[in-house]
């Protein structure tokens, strides 16, 4: 009896994909080619990452979350310690940039993995039955 094509390992968990940049199909760490740029395809299994449309969803979502956290932190610091303005700039600009860059990578990876798992695609109008 002929053996079928070798089976892929079980897909990695969504959190692992986000944190480690794993391919949602095979689990190889090939999802990103740069800090937040997706690779064109998985070098291990050939999954085409350009077929997925992550868009601006993660960036918009993170703007709200990180902005809220930074505002709460800045207000709390101002009300408790009353530091000069330059201290706020020295603290909150790097914190904001760091959080956005780290969380954007995680959010983009998790959204791409969700699209892969749910076989998400462009919306299409169904043909109506002419009667």
Protein backbone atom coordinates (compact mmCIF):
# COMPACT_ATOMS: atom_id res chain seq x y z
CA UNK A 1 0.00 0.00 0.00
CA UNK A 2 1.39 3.42 -0.94
CA UNK A 3 1.98 5.92 1.84
CA UNK A 4 0.11 9.19 1.39
CA UNK A 5 1.97 12.49 1.54
CA UNK A 6 3.55 13.05 4.94
CA UNK A 7 1.15 14.70 7.34
CA UNK A 8 1.93 18.12 8.71
CA UNK A 9 2.41 18.44 12.46
CA UNK A 10 -0.59 19.73 14.41
CA UNK A 11 -0.99 23.49 14.02
CA UNK A 12 0.52 25.60 16.78
CA UNK A 13 -1.62 27.48 19.27
CA UNK A 14 -2.69 31.02 18.44
CA UNK A 15 -0.66 32.55 21.28
CA UNK A 16 2.49 30.68 20.20
CA UNK A 17 2.01 31.91 16.64
CA UNK A 18 1.73 35.48 17.88
CA UNK A 19 4.63 35.42 20.30
CA UNK A 20 7.08 33.38 18.23
CA UNK A 21 6.10 34.31 14.65
CA UNK A 22 5.28 30.73 13.65
CA UNK A 23 3.72 29.62 10.40
CA UNK A 24 0.04 28.80 11.11
CA UNK A 25 0.22 25.65 8.97
CA UNK A 26 3.49 23.93 9.93
CA UNK A 27 4.75 25.83 12.99
CA UNK A 28 8.11 26.87 11.51
CA UNK A 29 9.36 30.29 12.69
CA UNK A 30 9.08 31.83 9.21
CA UNK A 31 6.13 34.25 9.46
CA UNK A 32 8.13 37.50 9.54
CA UNK A 33 10.93 38.73 7.30
CA UNK A 34 11.50 41.91 9.33
CA UNK A 35 10.39 43.49 12.57
CA UNK A 36 6.72 43.69 11.55
CA UNK A 37 6.78 42.75 7.85
CA UNK A 38 5.43 39.37 6.80
CA UNK A 39 7.59 37.05 4.71
CA UNK A 40 6.11 36.34 1.26
CA UNK A 41 5.73 32.63 2.02
CA UNK A 42 6.76 29.97 4.53
CA UNK A 43 10.18 28.58 3.69
CA UNK A 44 9.26 25.23 5.26
CA UNK A 45 5.79 24.39 3.88
CA UNK A 46 5.28 27.02 1.15
CA UNK A 47 2.14 28.67 2.61
CA UNK A 48 1.59 31.95 0.77
CA UNK A 49 1.32 34.70 3.40
CA UNK A 50 0.50 37.34 0.78
CA UNK A 51 -2.91 35.70 0.29
CA UNK A 52 -4.00 36.94 3.72
CA UNK A 53 -5.27 40.48 4.25
CA UNK A 54 -4.48 41.60 7.78
CA UNK A 55 -4.98 45.29 6.93
CA UNK A 56 -4.99 48.04 9.56
CA UNK A 57 -7.06 46.18 12.15
CA UNK A 58 -4.20 45.39 14.54
CA UNK A 59 -2.80 48.94 14.34
CA UNK A 60 -6.16 50.57 15.08
CA UNK A 61 -6.88 48.18 17.92
CA UNK A 62 -3.44 48.72 19.46
CA UNK A 63 -3.75 52.49 19.17
CA UNK A 64 -6.77 52.36 21.45
CA UNK A 65 -5.27 49.89 23.93
CA UNK A 66 -1.76 51.36 24.18
CA UNK A 67 -3.11 54.92 24.15
CA UNK A 68 -5.40 54.11 27.06
CA UNK A 69 -2.63 52.45 29.07
CA UNK A 70 -0.16 55.28 28.44
CA UNK A 71 -2.73 57.94 29.35
CA UNK A 72 -3.62 56.15 32.58
CA UNK A 73 0.08 55.82 33.43
CA UNK A 74 0.86 59.45 32.61
CA UNK A 75 -2.09 60.77 34.62
CA UNK A 76 -1.24 58.53 37.57
CA UNK A 77 2.40 59.70 37.49
CA UNK A 78 1.36 63.34 37.24
CA UNK A 79 -1.09 63.10 40.14
CA UNK A 80 1.33 61.26 42.42
CA UNK A 81 4.79 62.70 41.67
CA UNK A 82 4.19 65.95 39.71
CA UNK A 83 7.29 65.51 37.52
CA UNK A 84 8.36 68.12 34.94
CA UNK A 85 7.14 67.71 31.37
CA UNK A 86 10.47 66.39 30.08
CA UNK A 87 10.19 63.42 32.46
CA UNK A 88 6.86 62.49 30.89
CA UNK A 89 8.43 62.70 27.44
CA UNK A 90 11.43 60.66 28.55
CA UNK A 91 9.18 57.93 29.97
CA UNK A 92 6.10 57.75 27.80
CA UNK A 93 7.50 58.14 24.27
CA UNK A 94 9.78 55.05 24.54
CA UNK A 95 7.10 53.09 26.41
CA UNK A 96 4.55 53.86 23.69
CA UNK A 97 6.90 52.99 20.83
CA UNK A 98 8.05 49.79 22.52
CA UNK A 99 4.54 48.59 23.29
CA UNK A 100 3.26 49.36 19.81
CA UNK A 101 6.12 47.60 18.03
CA UNK A 102 6.03 44.50 20.22
CA UNK A 103 2.26 44.19 20.33
CA UNK A 104 1.78 45.01 16.64
CA UNK A 105 3.91 42.03 15.67
CA UNK A 106 1.94 39.76 17.99
CA UNK A 107 -1.45 41.11 16.87
CA UNK A 108 -0.63 40.83 13.14
CA UNK A 109 0.56 37.24 13.57
CA UNK A 110 -2.51 36.24 15.56
CA UNK A 111 -4.88 37.86 13.04
CA UNK A 112 -3.18 36.12 10.11
CA UNK A 113 -3.38 32.80 11.96
CA UNK A 114 -7.08 33.37 12.67
CA UNK A 115 -7.70 34.08 9.00
CA UNK A 116 -5.86 30.86 8.06
CA UNK A 117 -7.72 28.72 10.58
CA UNK A 118 -11.14 30.10 9.73
CA UNK A 119 -10.46 30.11 5.98
CA UNK A 120 -11.44 33.78 5.87
CA UNK A 121 -11.77 35.37 2.46
CA UNK A 122 -13.24 38.32 0.66
CA UNK A 123 -16.99 38.67 0.94
CA UNK A 124 -18.98 37.59 -2.09
CA UNK A 125 -22.58 38.19 -2.97
CA UNK A 126 -24.56 35.04 -3.57
CA UNK A 127 -26.26 34.66 -6.90
CA UNK A 128 -30.03 34.93 -6.55
CA UNK A 129 -32.26 32.38 -8.13
CA UNK A 130 -34.18 34.27 -10.88
CA UNK A 131 -37.89 33.50 -10.67
